[in-house]
Amino acid sequence: MIERIYAFIPLVISLSFLYSALRLSRIIKHPDKERQADYEEYHQSNNNSLRIIGSVLGGIIFFLYFLMSY
């Protein structure tokens, strides 16, 4: 039973990586308006394309790990 629970940990990690990629690409907005404004300012000052690519690759890697461990 515990092994089945541990098998879902990579899935949760992959979903968090993909959520972070969606946030970085500004598809998902922050619910708090002030924090969203800070986030927009940060996004304009930094090039986040490598972070988006890293988040997507991290999500894919952990999702594949989930599929292999389940």
PDB file of N, CA and C in Angstrom:
ATOM      1  N   MET A   1       0.825  -1.201   0.000  1.00  0.00           N
ATOM      2  CA  MET A   1       0.000   0.000   0.000  1.00  0.00           C
ATOM      3  C   MET A   1       0.867   1.262   0.000  1.00  0.00           C
ATOM      4  N   ILE A   2       1.892   1.269   0.847  1.00  0.00           N
ATOM      5  CA  ILE A   2       2.762   2.445   0.927  1.00  0.00           C
ATOM      6  C   ILE A   2       3.535   2.619  -0.379  1.00  0.00           C
ATOM      7  N   GLU A   3       3.896   1.507  -1.030  1.00  0.00           N
ATOM      8  CA  GLU A   3       4.608   1.610  -2.298  1.00  0.00           C
ATOM      9  C   GLU A   3       3.758   2.312  -3.345  1.00  0.00           C
ATOM     10  N   ARG A   4       2.449   2.078  -3.308  1.00  0.00           N
ATOM     11  CA  ARG A   4       1.554   2.735  -4.265  1.00  0.00           C
ATOM     12  C   ARG A   4       1.479   4.229  -3.996  1.00  0.00           C
ATOM     13  N   ILE A   5       1.528   4.605  -2.726  1.00  0.00           N
ATOM     14  CA  ILE A   5       1.517   6.030  -2.385  1.00  0.00           C
ATOM     15  C   ILE A   5       2.815   6.674  -2.851  1.00  0.00           C
ATOM     16  N   TYR A   6       3.943   5.998  -2.613  1.00  0.00           N
ATOM     17  CA  TYR A   6       5.230   6.539  -3.044  1.00  0.00           C
ATOM     18  C   TYR A   6       5.318   6.652  -4.562  1.00  0.00           C
ATOM     19  N   ALA A   7       4.579   5.820  -5.281  1.00  0.00           N
ATOM     20  CA  ALA A   7       4.609   5.884  -6.742  1.00  0.00           C
ATOM     21  C   ALA A   7       3.981   7.170  -7.262  1.00  0.00           C
ATOM     22  N   PHE A   8       3.110   7.790  -6.464  1.00  0.00           N
ATOM     23  CA  PHE A   8       2.454   9.015  -6.918  1.00  0.00           C
ATOM     24  C   PHE A   8       3.270  10.275  -6.631  1.00  0.00           C
ATOM     25  N   ILE A   9       4.346  10.155  -5.873  1.00  0.00           N
ATOM     26  CA  ILE A   9       5.178  11.325  -5.575  1.00  0.00           C
ATOM     27  C   ILE A   9       5.770  11.934  -6.848  1.00  0.00           C
ATOM     28  N   PRO A  10       6.327  11.144  -7.782  1.00  0.00           N
ATOM     29  CA  PRO A  10       6.824  11.758  -9.025  1.00  0.00           C
ATOM     30  C   PRO A  10       5.723  12.440  -9.837  1.00  0.00           C
ATOM     31  N   LEU A  11       4.489  11.919  -9.766  1.00  0.00           N
ATOM     32  CA  LEU A  11       3.389  12.560 -10.477  1.00  0.00           C
ATOM     33  C   LEU A  11       3.101  13.939  -9.895  1.00  0.00           C
ATOM     34  N   VAL A  12       3.107  14.042  -8.584  1.00  0.00           N
ATOM     35  CA  VAL A  12       2.879  15.333  -7.933  1.00  0.00           C
ATOM     36  C   VAL A  12       4.005  16.306  -8.287  1.00  0.00           C
ATOM     37  N   ILE A  13       5.237  15.816  -8.285  1.00  0.00           N
ATOM     38  CA  ILE A  13       6.371  16.677  -8.639  1.00  0.00           C
ATOM     39  C   ILE A  13       6.263  17.132 -10.089  1.00  0.00           C
ATOM     40  N   SER A  14       5.878  16.224 -10.982  1.00  0.00           N
ATOM     41  CA  SER A  14       5.769  16.609 -12.391  1.00  0.00           C
ATOM     42  C   SER A  14       4.655  17.623 -12.595  1.00  0.00           C
ATOM     43  N   LEU A  15       3.547  17.477 -11.870  1.00  0.00           N
ATOM     44  CA  LEU A  15       2.474  18.465 -11.984  1.00  0.00           C
ATOM     45  C   LEU A  15       2.912  19.825 -11.461  1.00  0.00           C
ATOM     46  N   SER A  16       3.726  19.831 -10.402  1.00  0.00           N
ATOM     47  CA  SER A  16       4.203  21.117  -9.888  1.00  0.00           C
ATOM     48  C   SER A  16       5.179  21.773 -10.869  1.00  0.00           C
ATOM     49  N   PHE A  17       6.017  20.970 -11.533  1.00  0.00           N
ATOM     50  CA  PHE A  17       6.908  21.518 -12.559  1.00  0.00           C
ATOM     51  C   PHE A  17       6.101  22.113 -13.709  1.00  0.00           C
ATOM     52  N   LEU A  18       5.078  21.388 -14.152  1.00  0.00           N
ATOM     53  CA  LEU A  18       4.286  21.884 -15.271  1.00  0.00           C
ATOM     54  C   LEU A  18       3.478  23.118 -14.877  1.00  0.00           C
ATOM     55  N   TYR A  19       2.988  23.160 -13.637  1.00  0.00           N
ATOM     56  CA  TYR A  19       2.281  24.349 -13.153  1.00  0.00           C
ATOM     57  C   TYR A  19       3.224  25.549 -13.138  1.00  0.00           C
ATOM     58  N   SER A  20       4.452  25.313 -12.702  1.00  0.00           N
ATOM     59  CA  SER A  20       5.434  26.394 -12.689  1.00  0.00           C
ATOM     60  C   SER A  20       5.737  26.876 -14.105  1.00  0.00           C
ATOM     61  N   ALA A  21       5.783  25.962 -15.072  1.00  0.00           N
ATOM     62  CA  ALA A  21       6.008  26.365 -16.463  1.00  0.00           C
ATOM     63  C   ALA A  21       4.842  27.200 -16.977  1.00  0.00           C
ATOM     64  N   LEU A  22       3.625  26.825 -16.604  1.00  0.00           N
ATOM     65  CA  LEU A  22       2.465  27.613 -17.025  1.00  0.00           C
ATOM     66  C   LEU A  22       2.465  28.991 -16.381  1.00  0.00           C
ATOM     67  N   ARG A  23       2.907  29.066 -15.130  1.00  0.00           N
ATOM     68  CA  ARG A  23       2.993  30.371 -14.460  1.00  0.00           C
ATOM     69  C   ARG A  23       4.065  31.234 -15.115  1.00  0.00           C
ATOM     70  N   LEU A  24       5.208  30.636 -15.450  1.00  0.00           N
ATOM     71  CA  LEU A  24       6.290  31.401 -16.069  1.00  0.00           C
ATOM     72  C   LEU A  24       5.916  31.888 -17.466  1.00  0.00           C
ATOM     73  N   SER A  25       5.130  31.104 -18.176  1.00  0.00           N
ATOM     74  CA  SER A  25       4.721  31.527 -19.515  1.00  0.00           C
ATOM     75  C   SER A  25       3.498  32.433 -19.463  1.00  0.00           C
ATOM     76  N   ARG A  26       3.055  32.775 -18.276  1.00  0.00           N
ATOM     77  CA  ARG A  26       1.946  33.693 -18.017  1.00  0.00           C
ATOM     78  C   ARG A  26       0.622  33.191 -18.562  1.00  0.00           C
ATOM     79  N   ILE A  27       0.467  31.877 -18.684  1.00  0.00           N
ATOM     80  CA  ILE A  27      -0.827  31.312 -19.059  1.00  0.00           C
ATOM     81  C   ILE A  27      -1.745  31.324 -17.840  1.00  0.00           C
ATOM     82  N   ILE A  28      -1.183  31.000 -16.672  1.00  0.00           N
ATOM     83  CA  ILE A  28      -1.936  31.034 -15.421  1.00  0.00           C
ATOM     84  C   ILE A  28      -1.523  32.287 -14.662  1.00  0.00           C
ATOM     85  N   LYS A  29      -2.486  33.088 -14.277  1.00  0.00           N
ATOM     86  CA  LYS A  29      -2.209  34.322 -13.538  1.00  0.00           C
ATOM     87  C   LYS A  29      -2.340  34.066 -12.043  1.00  0.00           C
ATOM     88  N   HIS A  30      -1.644  34.870 -11.254  1.00  0.00           N
ATOM     89  CA  HIS A  30      -1.729  34.763  -9.797  1.00  0.00           C
ATOM     90  C   HIS A  30      -3.036  35.395  -9.339  1.00  0.00           C
ATOM     91  N   PRO A  31      -3.752  34.763  -8.393  1.00  0.00           N
ATOM     92  CA  PRO A  31      -5.034  35.328  -7.958  1.00  0.00           C
ATOM     93  C   PRO A  31      -4.912  36.683  -7.259  1.00  0.00           C
ATOM     94  N   ASP A  32      -3.782  36.936  -6.616  1.00  0.00           N
ATOM     95  CA  ASP A  32      -3.583  38.205  -5.925  1.00  0.00           C
ATOM     96  C   ASP A  32      -3.054  39.239  -6.926  1.00  0.00           C
ATOM     97  N   LYS A  33      -3.759  40.351  -7.066  1.00  0.00           N
ATOM     98  CA  LYS A  33      -3.404  41.360  -8.080  1.00  0.00           C
ATOM     99  C   LYS A  33      -2.040  41.995  -7.816  1.00  0.00           C
ATOM    100  N   GLU A  34      -1.722  42.275  -6.541  1.00  0.00           N
ATOM    101  CA  GLU A  34      -0.428  42.890  -6.226  1.00  0.00           C
ATOM    102  C   GLU A  34       0.722  41.958  -6.576  1.00  0.00           C
ATOM    103  N   ARG A  35       0.571  40.700  -6.197  1.00  0.00           N
ATOM    104  CA  ARG A  35       1.641  39.748  -6.504  1.00  0.00           C
ATOM    105  C   ARG A  35       1.748  39.519  -7.999  1.00  0.00           C
ATOM    106  N   GLN A  36       0.627  39.575  -8.714  1.00  0.00           N
ATOM    107  CA  GLN A  36       0.674  39.420 -10.169  1.00  0.00           C
ATOM    108  C   GLN A  36       1.431  40.585 -10.803  1.00  0.00           C
ATOM    109  N   ALA A  37       1.226  41.801 -10.274  1.00  0.00           N
ATOM    110  CA  ALA A  37       1.950  42.964 -10.805  1.00  0.00           C
ATOM    111  C   ALA A  37       3.448  42.815 -10.560  1.00  0.00           C
ATOM    112  N   ASP A  38       3.826  42.361  -9.359  1.00  0.00           N
ATOM    113  CA  ASP A  38       5.242  42.112  -9.076  1.00  0.00           C
ATOM    114  C   ASP A  38       5.792  41.035  -9.999  1.00  0.00           C
ATOM    115  N   TYR A  39       4.988  40.018 -10.230  1.00  0.00           N
ATOM    116  CA  TYR A  39       5.402  38.917 -11.080  1.00  0.00           C
ATOM    117  C   TYR A  39       5.592  39.393 -12.520  1.00  0.00           C
ATOM    118  N   GLU A  40       4.685  40.260 -13.007  1.00  0.00           N
ATOM    119  CA  GLU A  40       4.818  40.803 -14.365  1.00  0.00           C
ATOM    120  C   GLU A  40       6.099  41.630 -14.494  1.00  0.00           C
ATOM    121  N   GLU A  41       6.381  42.445 -13.468  1.00  0.00           N
ATOM    122  CA  GLU A  41       7.599  43.261 -13.492  1.00  0.00           C
ATOM    123  C   GLU A  41       8.838  42.371 -13.508  1.00  0.00           C
ATOM    124  N   TYR A  42       8.830  41.305 -12.707  1.00  0.00           N
ATOM    125  CA  TYR A  42       9.954  40.374 -12.676  1.00  0.00           C
ATOM    126  C   TYR A  42      10.092  39.671 -14.024  1.00  0.00           C
ATOM    127  N   HIS A  43       8.968  39.316 -14.612  1.00  0.00           N
ATOM    128  CA  HIS A  43       8.998  38.601 -15.882  1.00  0.00           C
ATOM    129  C   HIS A  43       9.576  39.486 -16.984  1.00  0.00           C
ATOM    130  N   GLN A  44       9.272  40.776 -16.949  1.00  0.00           N
ATOM    131  CA  GLN A  44       9.789  41.672 -17.974  1.00  0.00           C
ATOM    132  C   GLN A  44      11.281  41.934 -17.794  1.00  0.00           C
ATOM    133  N   SER A  45      11.767  41.850 -16.555  1.00  0.00           N
ATOM    134  CA  SER A  45      13.178  42.147 -16.323  1.00  0.00           C
ATOM    135  C   SER A  45      14.086  40.941 -16.557  1.00  0.00           C
ATOM    136  N   ASN A  46      13.540  39.754 -16.581  1.00  0.00           N
ATOM    137  CA  ASN A  46      14.351  38.543 -16.766  1.00  0.00           C
ATOM    138  C   ASN A  46      13.824  37.732 -17.937  1.00  0.00           C
ATOM    139  N   ASN A  47      14.740  37.068 -18.627  1.00  0.00           N
ATOM    140  CA  ASN A  47      14.345  36.175 -19.700  1.00  0.00           C
ATOM    141  C   ASN A  47      14.085  34.802 -19.091  1.00  0.00           C
ATOM    142  N   ASN A  48      12.833  34.383 -19.084  1.00  0.00           N
ATOM    143  CA  ASN A  48      12.459  33.147 -18.404  1.00  0.00           C
ATOM    144  C   ASN A  48      12.329  31.959 -19.345  1.00  0.00           C
ATOM    145  N   SER A  49      12.789  32.081 -20.584  1.00  0.00           N
ATOM    146  CA  SER A  49      12.596  30.983 -21.523  1.00  0.00           C
ATOM    147  C   SER A  49      13.337  29.725 -21.075  1.00  0.00           C
ATOM    148  N   LEU A  50      14.527  29.875 -20.515  1.00  0.00           N
ATOM    149  CA  LEU A  50      15.252  28.694 -20.029  1.00  0.00           C
ATOM    150  C   LEU A  50      14.547  28.072 -18.836  1.00  0.00           C
ATOM    151  N   ARG A  51      13.947  28.897 -17.987  1.00  0.00           N
ATOM    152  CA  ARG A  51      13.204  28.356 -16.844  1.00  0.00           C
ATOM    153  C   ARG A  51      11.965  27.612 -17.308  1.00  0.00           C
ATOM    154  N   ILE A  52      11.298  28.123 -18.338  1.00  0.00           N
ATOM    155  CA  ILE A  52      10.120  27.439 -18.870  1.00  0.00           C
ATOM    156  C   ILE A  52      10.531  26.095 -19.448  1.00  0.00           C
ATOM    157  N   ILE A  53      11.595  26.084 -20.235  1.00  0.00           N
ATOM    158  CA  ILE A  53      12.076  24.831 -20.830  1.00  0.00           C
ATOM    159  C   ILE A  53      12.487  23.854 -19.734  1.00  0.00           C
ATOM    160  N   GLY A  54      13.183  24.341 -18.712  1.00  0.00           N
ATOM    161  CA  GLY A  54      13.594  23.474 -17.608  1.00  0.00           C
ATOM    162  C   GLY A  54      12.414  22.917 -16.846  1.00  0.00           C
ATOM    163  N   SER A  55      11.392  23.730 -16.640  1.00  0.00           N
ATOM    164  CA  SER A  55      10.211  23.258 -15.927  1.00  0.00           C
ATOM    165  C   SER A  55       9.468  22.200 -16.731  1.00  0.00           C
ATOM    166  N   VAL A  56       9.347  22.427 -18.034  1.00  0.00           N
ATOM    167  CA  VAL A  56       8.660  21.443 -18.874  1.00  0.00           C
ATOM    168  C   VAL A  56       9.452  20.139 -18.914  1.00  0.00           C
ATOM    169  N   LEU A  57      10.765  20.234 -19.097  1.00  0.00           N
ATOM    170  CA  LEU A  57      11.582  19.014 -19.118  1.00  0.00           C
ATOM    171  C   LEU A  57      11.541  18.291 -17.778  1.00  0.00           C
ATOM    172  N   GLY A  58      11.588  19.046 -16.678  1.00  0.00           N
ATOM    173  CA  GLY A  58      11.482  18.424 -15.360  1.00  0.00           C
ATOM    174  C   GLY A  58      10.159  17.720 -15.182  1.00  0.00           C
ATOM    175  N   GLY A  59       9.086  18.359 -15.636  1.00  0.00           N
ATOM    176  CA  GLY A  59       7.771  17.731 -15.551  1.00  0.00           C
ATOM    177  C   GLY A  59       7.692  16.457 -16.367  1.00  0.00           C
ATOM    178  N   ILE A  60       8.254  16.486 -17.567  1.00  0.00           N
ATOM    179  CA  ILE A  60       8.225  15.300 -18.426  1.00  0.00           C
ATOM    180  C   ILE A  60       9.053  14.175 -17.821  1.00  0.00           C
ATOM    181  N   ILE A  61      10.227  14.505 -17.300  1.00  0.00           N
ATOM    182  CA  ILE A  61      11.097  13.478 -16.711  1.00  0.00           C
ATOM    183  C   ILE A  61      10.424  12.812 -15.517  1.00  0.00           C
ATOM    184  N   PHE A  62       9.854  13.620 -14.619  1.00  0.00           N
ATOM    185  CA  PHE A  62       9.200  13.021 -13.458  1.00  0.00           C
ATOM    186  C   PHE A  62       7.940  12.264 -13.849  1.00  0.00           C
ATOM    187  N   PHE A  63       7.228  12.718 -14.900  1.00  0.00           N
ATOM    188  CA  PHE A  63       6.052  11.983 -15.350  1.00  0.00           C
ATOM    189  C   PHE A  63       6.458  10.634 -15.928  1.00  0.00           C
ATOM    190  N   LEU A  64       7.546  10.595 -16.696  1.00  0.00           N
ATOM    191  CA  LEU A  64       8.035   9.315 -17.218  1.00  0.00           C
ATOM    192  C   LEU A  64       8.491   8.399 -16.086  1.00  0.00           C
ATOM    193  N   TYR A  65       9.114   8.988 -15.070  1.00  0.00           N
ATOM    194  CA  TYR A  65       9.523   8.200 -13.904  1.00  0.00           C
ATOM    195  C   TYR A  65       8.300   7.621 -13.203  1.00  0.00           C
ATOM    196  N   PHE A  66       7.223   8.420 -13.128  1.00  0.00           N
ATOM    197  CA  PHE A  66       5.973   7.937 -12.536  1.00  0.00           C
ATOM    198  C   PHE A  66       5.419   6.768 -13.336  1.00  0.00           C
ATOM    199  N   LEU A  67       5.423   6.897 -14.664  1.00  0.00           N
ATOM    200  CA  LEU A  67       4.890   5.820 -15.490  1.00  0.00           C
ATOM    201  C   LEU A  67       5.709   4.547 -15.347  1.00  0.00           C
ATOM    202  N   MET A  68       7.014   4.677 -15.219  1.00  0.00           N
ATOM    203  CA  MET A  68       7.861   3.490 -15.099  1.00  0.00           C
ATOM    204  C   MET A  68       7.758   2.857 -13.716  1.00  0.00           C
ATOM    205  N   SER A  69       7.499   3.675 -12.685  1.00  0.00           N
ATOM    206  CA  SER A  69       7.453   3.112 -11.336  1.00  0.00           C
ATOM    207  C   SER A  69       6.082   2.560 -10.986  1.00  0.00           C
ATOM    208  N   TYR A  70       5.057   2.948 -11.729  1.00  0.00           N
ATOM    209  CA  TYR A  70       3.706   2.493 -11.414  1.00  0.00           C
ATOM    210  C   TYR A  70       3.416   1.254 -12.140  1.00  0.00           C
TER     211      TYR A  70
END
